[in-house]
Amino acid sequence: MKRTPRIGRRVSSPVFAAVVLLVPAVTSASLADADDGPGPFGVTAVAAAGAPTDRVGALFGADRAGKLAGGHFCTASVVHSPGRDLVVTAAHCLDGDGGLIFVPGYRDGKAPYGVWTVRKRFLPDGWAKGQDEDSDVAFAVVAAKDGKDGKRVEDVVGGNRFVTGTATGATAVTVTGYPNSREVPVSCTNKPTPHSSTQQRIDCPSLSGGTSGSPWVNGDGQVVGVLGGHEEGGSTDDISYSVVLGTEAAELYRDATTDP
């Protein structure tokens, strides 16, 4: 389990029409490009500040808005949506009650792009009804700044594309998240391998509690995994898991981007 238990309570649950992002396996040309990533593979280090890393942020309970340091418990990241207000994380990061805030680019107690309030959550039926580890992905809509017509989070930091149907291990991915022992994000690049037909795994050291919800981003800037799934992301710091993003994830994205 790679979320950090929060003191007190933990948490779980309008936008324009969107076409669901259900895509076929990535073509061989783009696979070659993605595989030429920066490397080295399997090494975890502090992530560089700035785009696109700052699309990743930390999740906090709403009661931590005035005192962020040491309060993050999961990771989330901005994904492109028509409403420009959507983040993706693990379902087990959103499965309780109470308010939540998202802080993109969080470092050392500071919120360089502001603090964004989660106003709505979308969990798949498989998780909501039975905490099925094959359904451990979720979306949250964050409120615009200065009212509903104000600036949206994607306007500020950008967003990666959320895609489904890609082949596990076809490309290297970079996982970026917030371990509970650090006040800065860390990143690791490696090639995922299948754990099962519904789960994928990646070997990266030091991805400890707090990294649940971390995006797995390929060389084309696409989110092809979200740290979670088997054992809520893994029982050790060196091996992490993600649901294989398929039809259920695509339908959930559609729900999150078409709900009024």
C-alpha atoms as a PDB file:
ATOM      1  CA  MET A   1       0.000   0.000   0.000  1.00  0.00           C
ATOM      2  CA  LYS A   2       1.546   3.276  -1.105  1.00  0.00           C
ATOM      3  CA  ARG A   3      -0.726   5.918   0.307  1.00  0.00           C
ATOM      4  CA  THR A   4       0.168   7.622   3.547  1.00  0.00           C
ATOM      5  CA  PRO A   5      -2.455   7.301   6.315  1.00  0.00           C
ATOM      6  CA  ARG A   6      -3.839  10.713   7.178  1.00  0.00           C
ATOM      7  CA  ILE A   7      -4.307  11.942  10.701  1.00  0.00           C
ATOM      8  CA  GLY A   8      -8.044  11.900  11.306  1.00  0.00           C
ATOM      9  CA  ARG A   9     -10.099  10.965   8.276  1.00  0.00           C
ATOM     10  CA  ARG A  10      -9.185   9.674   4.802  1.00  0.00           C
ATOM     11  CA  VAL A  11     -11.124  10.496   1.710  1.00  0.00           C
ATOM     12  CA  SER A  12     -12.972   9.174  -1.498  1.00  0.00           C
ATOM     13  CA  SER A  13     -15.975  10.404  -4.606  1.00  0.00           C
ATOM     14  CA  PRO A  14     -19.068  20.659 -15.046  1.00  0.00           C
ATOM     15  CA  VAL A  15     -17.515  19.936 -17.783  1.00  0.00           C
ATOM     16  CA  PHE A  16     -18.085  19.855 -21.534  1.00  0.00           C
ATOM     17  CA  ALA A  17     -18.725  16.801 -23.696  1.00  0.00           C
ATOM     18  CA  ALA A  18     -15.679  14.753 -24.624  1.00  0.00           C
ATOM     19  CA  VAL A  19     -14.856  11.761 -26.749  1.00  0.00           C
ATOM     20  CA  VAL A  20     -13.634   8.863 -24.651  1.00  0.00           C
ATOM     21  CA  LEU A  21      -9.919   8.275 -25.080  1.00  0.00           C
ATOM     22  CA  LEU A  22      -9.894   4.625 -26.114  1.00  0.00           C
ATOM     23  CA  VAL A  23      -6.881   4.156 -28.348  1.00  0.00           C
ATOM     24  CA  PRO A  24      -5.200   1.157 -29.988  1.00  0.00           C
ATOM     25  CA  ALA A  25      -1.700   0.047 -29.168  1.00  0.00           C
ATOM     26  CA  VAL A  26       0.884   2.731 -29.918  1.00  0.00           C
ATOM     27  CA  THR A  27       2.491   2.437 -33.332  1.00  0.00           C
ATOM     28  CA  SER A  28       5.997   1.074 -33.689  1.00  0.00           C
ATOM     29  CA  ALA A  29       7.358   4.468 -34.748  1.00  0.00           C
ATOM     30  CA  SER A  30       6.189   6.195 -31.592  1.00  0.00           C
ATOM     31  CA  LEU A  31       7.370   3.238 -29.526  1.00  0.00           C
ATOM     32  CA  ALA A  32      10.866   3.731 -30.833  1.00  0.00           C
ATOM     33  CA  ASP A  33      10.742   7.431 -30.014  1.00  0.00           C
ATOM     34  CA  ALA A  34       9.443   6.770 -26.507  1.00  0.00           C
ATOM     35  CA  ASP A  35      12.085   4.101 -25.870  1.00  0.00           C
ATOM     36  CA  ASP A  36      14.806   6.660 -26.560  1.00  0.00           C
ATOM     37  CA  GLY A  37      13.909   8.315 -23.229  1.00  0.00           C
ATOM     38  CA  PRO A  38      16.462  10.091 -21.075  1.00  0.00           C
ATOM     39  CA  GLY A  39      17.367   7.184 -18.828  1.00  0.00           C
ATOM     40  CA  PRO A  40      19.034   5.854 -16.846  1.00  0.00           C
ATOM     41  CA  PHE A  41      16.395   3.209 -16.270  1.00  0.00           C
ATOM     42  CA  GLY A  42      15.444   2.031 -12.793  1.00  0.00           C
ATOM     43  CA  VAL A  43      16.957   4.971 -10.911  1.00  0.00           C
ATOM     44  CA  THR A  44      14.849   7.203  -8.647  1.00  0.00           C
ATOM     45  CA  ALA A  45      15.927  10.826  -8.182  1.00  0.00           C
ATOM     46  CA  VAL A  46      14.406  14.180  -7.268  1.00  0.00           C
ATOM     47  CA  ALA A  47      12.290  15.399 -10.187  1.00  0.00           C
ATOM     48  CA  ALA A  48      13.314  18.635 -11.865  1.00  0.00           C
ATOM     49  CA  ALA A  49      10.980  21.564 -11.276  1.00  0.00           C
ATOM     50  CA  GLY A  50       8.994  23.032 -14.161  1.00  0.00           C
ATOM     51  CA  ALA A  51       6.892  21.649 -16.993  1.00  0.00           C
ATOM     52  CA  PRO A  52       5.898  18.902 -17.448  1.00  0.00           C
ATOM     53  CA  THR A  53       6.800  17.671 -13.951  1.00  0.00           C
ATOM     54  CA  ASP A  54       4.618  20.307 -12.312  1.00  0.00           C
ATOM     55  CA  ARG A  55       1.504  18.706 -13.792  1.00  0.00           C
ATOM     56  CA  VAL A  56       2.025  16.220 -10.970  1.00  0.00           C
ATOM     57  CA  GLY A  57       1.011  17.310  -7.489  1.00  0.00           C
ATOM     58  CA  ALA A  58       0.316  16.162  -3.970  1.00  0.00           C
ATOM     59  CA  LEU A  59      -3.057  15.453  -2.386  1.00  0.00           C
ATOM     60  CA  PHE A  60      -3.848  16.796   1.097  1.00  0.00           C
ATOM     61  CA  GLY A  61      -6.838  16.889   3.377  1.00  0.00           C
ATOM     62  CA  ALA A  62      -8.634  20.243   3.126  1.00  0.00           C
ATOM     63  CA  ASP A  63      -7.690  20.980   6.718  1.00  0.00           C
ATOM     64  CA  ARG A  64      -4.042  21.231   5.632  1.00  0.00           C
ATOM     65  CA  ALA A  65      -4.609  24.188   3.293  1.00  0.00           C
ATOM     66  CA  GLY A  66      -2.881  26.597   5.662  1.00  0.00           C
ATOM     67  CA  LYS A  67      -0.084  24.228   6.666  1.00  0.00           C
ATOM     68  CA  LEU A  68       0.990  21.996   3.820  1.00  0.00           C
ATOM     69  CA  ALA A  69       4.379  20.772   5.037  1.00  0.00           C
ATOM     70  CA  GLY A  70       4.281  17.105   5.974  1.00  0.00           C
ATOM     71  CA  GLY A  71       0.586  16.707   5.183  1.00  0.00           C
ATOM     72  CA  HIS A  72       0.494  15.031   1.776  1.00  0.00           C
ATOM     73  CA  PHE A  73      -0.777  11.470   1.563  1.00  0.00           C
ATOM     74  CA  CYS A  74      -1.171  10.617  -2.148  1.00  0.00           C
ATOM     75  CA  THR A  75      -0.166  11.845  -5.592  1.00  0.00           C
ATOM     76  CA  ALA A  76      -2.334  13.020  -8.509  1.00  0.00           C
ATOM     77  CA  SER A  77      -1.716  14.637 -11.888  1.00  0.00           C
ATOM     78  CA  VAL A  78      -3.522  16.903 -14.317  1.00  0.00           C
ATOM     79  CA  VAL A  79      -4.857  15.205 -17.435  1.00  0.00           C
ATOM     80  CA  HIS A  80      -6.271  16.950 -20.462  1.00  0.00           C
ATOM     81  CA  SER A  81     -10.038  17.406 -20.428  1.00  0.00           C
ATOM     82  CA  PRO A  82     -12.550  19.713 -22.128  1.00  0.00           C
ATOM     83  CA  GLY A  83     -13.186  21.426 -18.783  1.00  0.00           C
ATOM     84  CA  ARG A  84      -9.415  21.817 -18.143  1.00  0.00           C
ATOM     85  CA  ASP A  85     -10.068  20.864 -14.502  1.00  0.00           C
ATOM     86  CA  LEU A  86      -9.384  17.118 -14.187  1.00  0.00           C
ATOM     87  CA  VAL A  87      -6.803  15.147 -12.230  1.00  0.00           C
ATOM     88  CA  VAL A  88      -6.222  11.399 -12.143  1.00  0.00           C
ATOM     89  CA  THR A  89      -5.117   9.369  -9.130  1.00  0.00           C
ATOM     90  CA  ALA A  90      -5.681   5.961  -7.527  1.00  0.00           C
ATOM     91  CA  ALA A  91      -9.199   5.103  -6.380  1.00  0.00           C
ATOM     92  CA  HIS A  92      -7.900   4.121  -2.938  1.00  0.00           C
ATOM     93  CA  CYS A  93      -6.717   7.720  -2.510  1.00  0.00           C
ATOM     94  CA  LEU A  94     -10.303   8.977  -2.832  1.00  0.00           C
ATOM     95  CA  ASP A  95     -12.276   6.331  -0.971  1.00  0.00           C
ATOM     96  CA  GLY A  96     -13.189   8.110   2.257  1.00  0.00           C
ATOM     97  CA  ASP A  97     -15.050  11.195   3.418  1.00  0.00           C
ATOM     98  CA  GLY A  98     -13.985  14.791   3.869  1.00  0.00           C
ATOM     99  CA  GLY A  99     -12.529  17.587   1.788  1.00  0.00           C
ATOM    100  CA  LEU A 100      -9.420  17.353  -0.358  1.00  0.00           C
ATOM    101  CA  ILE A 101      -7.027  19.776  -1.998  1.00  0.00           C
ATOM    102  CA  PHE A 102      -4.586  19.281  -4.872  1.00  0.00           C
ATOM    103  CA  VAL A 103      -1.277  21.159  -5.037  1.00  0.00           C
ATOM    104  CA  PRO A 104       0.497  20.852  -8.420  1.00  0.00           C
ATOM    105  CA  GLY A 105       4.257  21.259  -8.329  1.00  0.00           C
ATOM    106  CA  TYR A 106       4.306  21.051  -4.528  1.00  0.00           C
ATOM    107  CA  ARG A 107       7.775  21.475  -2.993  1.00  0.00           C
ATOM    108  CA  ASP A 108       8.971  22.106   0.530  1.00  0.00           C
ATOM    109  CA  GLY A 109       5.669  23.318   1.931  1.00  0.00           C
ATOM    110  CA  LYS A 110       5.025  25.703  -0.971  1.00  0.00           C
ATOM    111  CA  ALA A 111       2.267  25.788  -3.593  1.00  0.00           C
ATOM    112  CA  PRO A 112       3.851  27.507  -6.627  1.00  0.00           C
ATOM    113  CA  TYR A 113       0.667  27.190  -8.706  1.00  0.00           C
ATOM    114  CA  GLY A 114      -1.854  27.583  -5.931  1.00  0.00           C
ATOM    115  CA  VAL A 115      -4.060  25.274  -3.902  1.00  0.00           C
ATOM    116  CA  TRP A 116      -6.962  23.699  -5.814  1.00  0.00           C
ATOM    117  CA  THR A 117     -10.073  22.371  -4.082  1.00  0.00           C
ATOM    118  CA  VAL A 118     -11.459  19.009  -5.171  1.00  0.00           C
ATOM    119  CA  ARG A 119     -15.150  19.537  -5.855  1.00  0.00           C
ATOM    120  CA  LYS A 120     -16.166  16.181  -7.327  1.00  0.00           C
ATOM    121  CA  ARG A 121     -14.806  12.639  -7.467  1.00  0.00           C
ATOM    122  CA  PHE A 122     -15.336   9.769  -9.885  1.00  0.00           C
ATOM    123  CA  LEU A 123     -14.620   6.212  -8.770  1.00  0.00           C
ATOM    124  CA  PRO A 124     -15.319   3.118 -10.910  1.00  0.00           C
ATOM    125  CA  ASP A 125     -18.062   0.737  -9.844  1.00  0.00           C
ATOM    126  CA  GLY A 126     -15.564  -2.051  -9.326  1.00  0.00           C
ATOM    127  CA  TRP A 127     -13.839  -0.043  -6.621  1.00  0.00           C
ATOM    128  CA  ALA A 128     -16.886   1.644  -5.128  1.00  0.00           C
ATOM    129  CA  LYS A 129     -18.748  -1.654  -4.692  1.00  0.00           C
ATOM    130  CA  GLY A 130     -15.944  -4.009  -3.712  1.00  0.00           C
ATOM    131  CA  GLN A 131     -12.544  -2.314  -3.749  1.00  0.00           C
ATOM    132  CA  ASP A 132     -11.538  -4.432  -6.733  1.00  0.00           C
ATOM    133  CA  GLU A 133      -7.799  -3.908  -7.251  1.00  0.00           C
ATOM    134  CA  ASP A 134      -8.386  -4.029 -11.010  1.00  0.00           C
ATOM    135  CA  SER A 135     -10.474  -0.841 -10.654  1.00  0.00           C
ATOM    136  CA  ASP A 136      -7.950   1.210  -8.670  1.00  0.00           C
ATOM    137  CA  VAL A 137      -8.015   4.409 -10.746  1.00  0.00           C
ATOM    138  CA  ALA A 138     -10.117   7.521 -10.205  1.00  0.00           C
ATOM    139  CA  PHE A 139     -10.627  11.110 -11.318  1.00  0.00           C
ATOM    140  CA  ALA A 140     -11.272  14.312  -9.428  1.00  0.00           C
ATOM    141  CA  VAL A 141     -12.551  17.640 -10.743  1.00  0.00           C
ATOM    142  CA  VAL A 142     -10.952  20.665  -9.100  1.00  0.00           C
ATOM    143  CA  ALA A 143     -12.690  24.001  -8.744  1.00  0.00           C
ATOM    144  CA  ALA A 144     -11.704  26.953 -10.905  1.00  0.00           C
ATOM    145  CA  LYS A 145     -10.012  29.928  -9.294  1.00  0.00           C
ATOM    146  CA  ASP A 146     -12.207  33.007  -8.708  1.00  0.00           C
ATOM    147  CA  GLY A 147     -15.504  31.337  -9.542  1.00  0.00           C
ATOM    148  CA  LYS A 148     -16.689  28.970 -12.241  1.00  0.00           C
ATOM    149  CA  ASP A 149     -15.451  31.203 -15.074  1.00  0.00           C
ATOM    150  CA  GLY A 150     -12.009  31.670 -13.543  1.00  0.00           C
ATOM    151  CA  LYS A 151      -8.700  30.075 -14.439  1.00  0.00           C
ATOM    152  CA  ARG A 152      -8.590  26.268 -14.565  1.00  0.00           C
ATOM    153  CA  VAL A 153      -5.735  24.091 -13.359  1.00  0.00           C
ATOM    154  CA  GLU A 154      -4.888  22.874 -16.864  1.00  0.00           C
ATOM    155  CA  ASP A 155      -4.578  26.488 -18.004  1.00  0.00           C
ATOM    156  CA  VAL A 156      -1.894  26.949 -15.356  1.00  0.00           C
ATOM    157  CA  VAL A 157       0.258  23.791 -15.565  1.00  0.00           C
ATOM    158  CA  GLY A 158      -0.961  21.960 -18.664  1.00  0.00           C
ATOM    159  CA  GLY A 159      -2.137  18.372 -18.748  1.00  0.00           C
ATOM    160  CA  ASN A 160      -1.006  15.010 -20.083  1.00  0.00           C
ATOM    161  CA  ARG A 161      -3.273  12.896 -22.277  1.00  0.00           C
ATOM    162  CA  PHE A 162      -5.036  10.019 -20.554  1.00  0.00           C
ATOM    163  CA  VAL A 163      -5.093   7.013 -22.873  1.00  0.00           C
ATOM    164  CA  THR A 164      -6.335   3.458 -22.654  1.00  0.00           C
ATOM    165  CA  GLY A 165      -5.656   0.326 -24.665  1.00  0.00           C
ATOM    166  CA  THR A 166      -1.874   0.670 -24.932  1.00  0.00           C
ATOM    167  CA  ALA A 167       0.301  -2.433 -24.792  1.00  0.00           C
ATOM    168  CA  THR A 168       1.982  -3.016 -21.423  1.00  0.00           C
ATOM    169  CA  GLY A 169       5.741  -2.655 -21.683  1.00  0.00           C
ATOM    170  CA  ALA A 170       5.720  -1.372 -25.236  1.00  0.00           C
ATOM    171  CA  THR A 171       7.430   1.838 -24.121  1.00  0.00           C
ATOM    172  CA  ALA A 172       9.386   3.120 -21.190  1.00  0.00           C
ATOM    173  CA  VAL A 173       7.436   5.316 -18.770  1.00  0.00           C
ATOM    174  CA  THR A 174       8.380   7.881 -16.153  1.00  0.00           C
ATOM    175  CA  VAL A 175       6.692   7.616 -12.763  1.00  0.00           C
ATOM    176  CA  THR A 176       6.610  10.835 -10.712  1.00  0.00           C
ATOM    177  CA  GLY A 177       5.216  11.076  -7.198  1.00  0.00           C
ATOM    178  CA  TYR A 178       5.541  12.226  -3.605  1.00  0.00           C
ATOM    179  CA  PRO A 179       6.925   9.723  -1.070  1.00  0.00           C
ATOM    180  CA  ASN A 180       5.696  10.470   2.434  1.00  0.00           C
ATOM    181  CA  SER A 181       9.265  10.941   3.618  1.00  0.00           C
ATOM    182  CA  ARG A 182      10.027  13.680   1.088  1.00  0.00           C
ATOM    183  CA  GLU A 183       8.768  17.207   0.533  1.00  0.00           C
ATOM    184  CA  VAL A 184       9.730  17.120  -3.153  1.00  0.00           C
ATOM    185  CA  PRO A 185       8.613  14.850  -5.990  1.00  0.00           C
ATOM    186  CA  VAL A 186      10.806  12.010  -7.225  1.00  0.00           C
ATOM    187  CA  SER A 187      10.872  10.387 -10.660  1.00  0.00           C
ATOM    188  CA  CYS A 188      11.977   7.048 -12.086  1.00  0.00           C
ATOM    189  CA  THR A 189      11.986   5.824 -15.691  1.00  0.00           C
ATOM    190  CA  ASN A 190      11.738   2.156 -16.620  1.00  0.00           C
ATOM    191  CA  LYS A 191       9.833  -0.253 -18.822  1.00  0.00           C
ATOM    192  CA  PRO A 192       6.706  -1.807 -17.278  1.00  0.00           C
ATOM    193  CA  THR A 193       6.109  -5.539 -17.488  1.00  0.00           C
ATOM    194  CA  PRO A 194       2.847  -7.480 -17.217  1.00  0.00           C
ATOM    195  CA  HIS A 195       1.936  -8.743 -13.758  1.00  0.00           C
ATOM    196  CA  SER A 196      -1.304 -10.227 -15.038  1.00  0.00           C
ATOM    197  CA  SER A 197      -3.757  -9.512 -17.830  1.00  0.00           C
ATOM    198  CA  THR A 198      -5.215  -6.661 -15.743  1.00  0.00           C
ATOM    199  CA  GLN A 199      -2.154  -5.406 -13.837  1.00  0.00           C
ATOM    200  CA  GLN A 200       1.244  -4.034 -14.847  1.00  0.00           C
ATOM    201  CA  ARG A 201       4.361  -3.564 -12.705  1.00  0.00           C
ATOM    202  CA  ILE A 202       7.483  -1.425 -12.766  1.00  0.00           C
ATOM    203  CA  ASP A 203      10.795  -1.822 -10.957  1.00  0.00           C
ATOM    204  CA  CYS A 204      11.787   1.515  -9.423  1.00  0.00           C
ATOM    205  CA  PRO A 205      13.389   1.999  -6.001  1.00  0.00           C
ATOM    206  CA  SER A 206      12.174   4.238  -3.182  1.00  0.00           C
ATOM    207  CA  LEU A 207       8.556   4.658  -4.323  1.00  0.00           C
ATOM    208  CA  SER A 208       7.175   4.465  -0.800  1.00  0.00           C
ATOM    209  CA  GLY A 209       3.921   5.473   0.865  1.00  0.00           C
ATOM    210  CA  GLY A 210       2.504   8.660  -0.636  1.00  0.00           C
ATOM    211  CA  THR A 211       3.300   7.728  -4.240  1.00  0.00           C
ATOM    212  CA  SER A 212      -0.088   6.090  -4.811  1.00  0.00           C
ATOM    213  CA  GLY A 213      -1.761   7.879  -7.716  1.00  0.00           C
ATOM    214  CA  SER A 214       1.528   8.736  -9.450  1.00  0.00           C
ATOM    215  CA  PRO A 215       1.126   8.887 -13.241  1.00  0.00           C
ATOM    216  CA  TRP A 216       3.057   6.566 -15.571  1.00  0.00           C
ATOM    217  CA  VAL A 217       3.833   8.849 -18.513  1.00  0.00           C
ATOM    218  CA  ASN A 218       5.310   7.564 -21.777  1.00  0.00           C
ATOM    219  CA  GLY A 219       7.554   9.414 -24.187  1.00  0.00           C
ATOM    220  CA  ASP A 220       4.544  10.820 -26.025  1.00  0.00           C
ATOM    221  CA  GLY A 221       3.271  12.570 -22.893  1.00  0.00           C
ATOM    222  CA  GLN A 222       0.462  10.065 -22.366  1.00  0.00           C
ATOM    223  CA  VAL A 223      -0.648   8.672 -19.006  1.00  0.00           C
ATOM    224  CA  VAL A 224      -0.678   4.903 -19.545  1.00  0.00           C
ATOM    225  CA  GLY A 225      -0.745   3.859 -15.885  1.00  0.00           C
ATOM    226  CA  VAL A 226      -1.530   5.158 -12.397  1.00  0.00           C
ATOM    227  CA  LEU A 227       0.345   3.785  -9.403  1.00  0.00           C
ATOM    228  CA  GLY A 228      -2.085   1.611  -7.472  1.00  0.00           C
ATOM    229  CA  GLY A 229      -3.859  -1.608  -8.315  1.00  0.00           C
ATOM    230  CA  HIS A 230      -2.291  -4.765  -6.911  1.00  0.00           C
ATOM    231  CA  GLU A 231      -1.676  -4.393  -3.158  1.00  0.00           C
ATOM    232  CA  GLU A 232      -2.789  -0.753  -3.580  1.00  0.00           C
ATOM    233  CA  GLY A 233       0.418  -0.095  -5.504  1.00  0.00           C
ATOM    234  CA  GLY A 234       2.724  -2.655  -3.953  1.00  0.00           C
ATOM    235  CA  SER A 235       3.892  -3.887  -0.569  1.00  0.00           C
ATOM    236  CA  THR A 236       7.541  -2.906  -1.107  1.00  0.00           C
ATOM    237  CA  ASP A 237       9.189   0.360  -2.148  1.00  0.00           C
ATOM    238  CA  ASP A 238      11.016  -1.188  -5.113  1.00  0.00           C
ATOM    239  CA  ILE A 239       8.154  -2.724  -7.081  1.00  0.00           C
ATOM    240  CA  SER A 240       5.032  -0.770  -8.003  1.00  0.00           C
ATOM    241  CA  TYR A 241       1.853  -1.648  -9.848  1.00  0.00           C
ATOM    242  CA  SER A 242      -0.871  -0.079 -11.946  1.00  0.00           C
ATOM    243  CA  VAL A 243      -4.147  -1.231 -13.366  1.00  0.00           C
ATOM    244  CA  VAL A 244      -3.960  -1.947 -17.086  1.00  0.00           C
ATOM    245  CA  LEU A 245      -6.042   0.968 -18.367  1.00  0.00           C
ATOM    246  CA  GLY A 246      -8.874  -0.498 -20.409  1.00  0.00           C
ATOM    247  CA  THR A 247     -12.589  -0.135 -21.031  1.00  0.00           C
ATOM    248  CA  GLU A 248     -13.567   0.641 -17.435  1.00  0.00           C
ATOM    249  CA  ALA A 249     -10.982   3.435 -17.215  1.00  0.00           C
ATOM    250  CA  ALA A 250     -12.111   4.844 -20.560  1.00  0.00           C
ATOM    251  CA  GLU A 251     -15.729   4.879 -19.423  1.00  0.00           C
ATOM    252  CA  LEU A 252     -14.754   6.560 -16.161  1.00  0.00           C
ATOM    253  CA  TYR A 253     -12.889   9.280 -18.055  1.00  0.00           C
ATOM    254  CA  ARG A 254     -15.964   9.794 -20.226  1.00  0.00           C
ATOM    255  CA  ASP A 255     -18.165  10.094 -17.125  1.00  0.00           C
ATOM    256  CA  ALA A 256     -15.793  12.584 -15.519  1.00  0.00           C
ATOM    257  CA  THR A 257     -15.672  14.782 -18.606  1.00  0.00           C
ATOM    258  CA  THR A 258     -19.375  14.767 -19.456  1.00  0.00           C
ATOM    259  CA  ASP A 259     -20.926  15.072 -16.008  1.00  0.00           C
ATOM    260  CA  PRO A 260     -22.604  18.498 -15.640  1.00  0.00           C
END
